[in-house]
Amino acid sequence: MLYFIFGIWSGMLGFSMSLIIRLELGMSGNLIG
C-alpha cells in the first residue's frame, strides 16, 4: 500500500514538473519568437 501511494505521488510529481517545464519553454518561445 505504501509503495502504491509513493508510486502515485512520484508519478504526479513528475507529470507536474514536465508540465511546468513545457509551459516555461512555451512562454520563452513566444517571448523570443
N, C-alpha and C. Protein backbone atom coordinates (compact mmCIF):
# COMPACT_ATOMS: atom_id res chain seq x y z
N MET A 1 0.84 -1.20 0.00
CA MET A 1 0.00 0.00 0.00
C MET A 1 0.87 1.25 0.00
N LEU A 2 1.93 1.23 0.81
CA LEU A 2 2.83 2.39 0.89
C LEU A 2 3.53 2.60 -0.45
N TYR A 3 3.95 1.50 -1.09
CA TYR A 3 4.61 1.61 -2.40
C TYR A 3 3.63 2.16 -3.43
N PHE A 4 2.36 1.77 -3.32
CA PHE A 4 1.34 2.22 -4.26
C PHE A 4 1.14 3.73 -4.14
N ILE A 5 1.04 4.22 -2.90
CA ILE A 5 0.87 5.66 -2.67
C ILE A 5 2.11 6.41 -3.15
N PHE A 6 3.29 5.89 -2.87
CA PHE A 6 4.54 6.53 -3.29
C PHE A 6 4.63 6.58 -4.82
N GLY A 7 4.17 5.52 -5.48
CA GLY A 7 4.19 5.48 -6.94
C GLY A 7 3.27 6.54 -7.53
N ILE A 8 2.07 6.68 -6.97
CA ILE A 8 1.13 7.70 -7.45
C ILE A 8 1.70 9.09 -7.21
N TRP A 9 2.29 9.32 -6.02
CA TRP A 9 2.84 10.63 -5.68
C TRP A 9 4.00 11.00 -6.61
N SER A 10 4.90 10.05 -6.84
CA SER A 10 6.05 10.31 -7.71
C SER A 10 5.58 10.53 -9.15
N GLY A 11 4.56 9.79 -9.57
CA GLY A 11 4.03 9.95 -10.93
C GLY A 11 3.42 11.33 -11.12
N MET A 12 2.63 11.78 -10.15
CA MET A 12 2.01 13.10 -10.24
C MET A 12 3.06 14.19 -10.17
N LEU A 13 4.09 13.98 -9.34
CA LEU A 13 5.16 14.97 -9.21
C LEU A 13 5.91 15.10 -10.53
N GLY A 14 6.25 13.98 -11.14
CA GLY A 14 6.96 14.01 -12.42
C GLY A 14 6.10 14.63 -13.52
N PHE A 15 4.80 14.33 -13.51
CA PHE A 15 3.89 14.89 -14.52
C PHE A 15 3.79 16.40 -14.36
N SER A 16 3.66 16.87 -13.12
CA SER A 16 3.55 18.32 -12.87
C SER A 16 4.85 19.03 -13.25
N MET A 17 5.99 18.39 -12.96
CA MET A 17 7.28 19.00 -13.29
C MET A 17 7.44 19.12 -14.81
N SER A 18 7.08 18.06 -15.54
CA SER A 18 7.19 18.10 -17.00
C SER A 18 6.22 19.12 -17.58
N LEU A 19 5.03 19.25 -16.96
CA LEU A 19 4.05 20.22 -17.44
C LEU A 19 4.56 21.64 -17.23
N ILE A 20 5.17 21.89 -16.07
CA ILE A 20 5.72 23.22 -15.77
C ILE A 20 6.85 23.53 -16.75
N ILE A 21 7.70 22.54 -17.04
CA ILE A 21 8.81 22.75 -17.97
C ILE A 21 8.28 23.08 -19.36
N ARG A 22 7.22 22.38 -19.78
CA ARG A 22 6.63 22.64 -21.09
C ARG A 22 6.05 24.05 -21.14
N LEU A 23 5.40 24.47 -20.06
CA LEU A 23 4.83 25.82 -20.02
C LEU A 23 5.93 26.86 -20.07
N GLU A 24 7.02 26.63 -19.34
CA GLU A 24 8.14 27.57 -19.32
C GLU A 24 8.75 27.68 -20.72
N LEU A 25 8.94 26.53 -21.40
CA LEU A 25 9.51 26.54 -22.74
C LEU A 25 8.58 27.25 -23.71
N GLY A 26 7.27 27.04 -23.57
CA GLY A 26 6.30 27.69 -24.44
C GLY A 26 6.30 29.19 -24.24
N MET A 27 6.35 29.64 -23.00
CA MET A 27 6.36 31.07 -22.71
C MET A 27 7.62 31.71 -23.26
N SER A 28 8.79 31.11 -23.03
CA SER A 28 10.06 31.66 -23.50
C SER A 28 10.08 31.65 -25.03
N GLY A 29 9.52 30.61 -25.65
CA GLY A 29 9.48 30.54 -27.11
C GLY A 29 8.63 31.67 -27.68
N ASN A 30 7.48 31.95 -27.03
CA ASN A 30 6.62 33.03 -27.50
C ASN A 30 7.29 34.38 -27.30
N LEU A 31 8.02 34.53 -26.20
CA LEU A 31 8.68 35.80 -25.93
C LEU A 31 9.82 36.04 -26.92
N ILE A 32 10.54 34.98 -27.25
CA ILE A 32 11.69 35.13 -28.16
C ILE A 32 11.20 35.33 -29.60
N GLY A 33 10.33 34.42 -30.09
CA GLY A 33 9.95 34.48 -31.48
C GLY A 33 8.49 34.78 -31.67
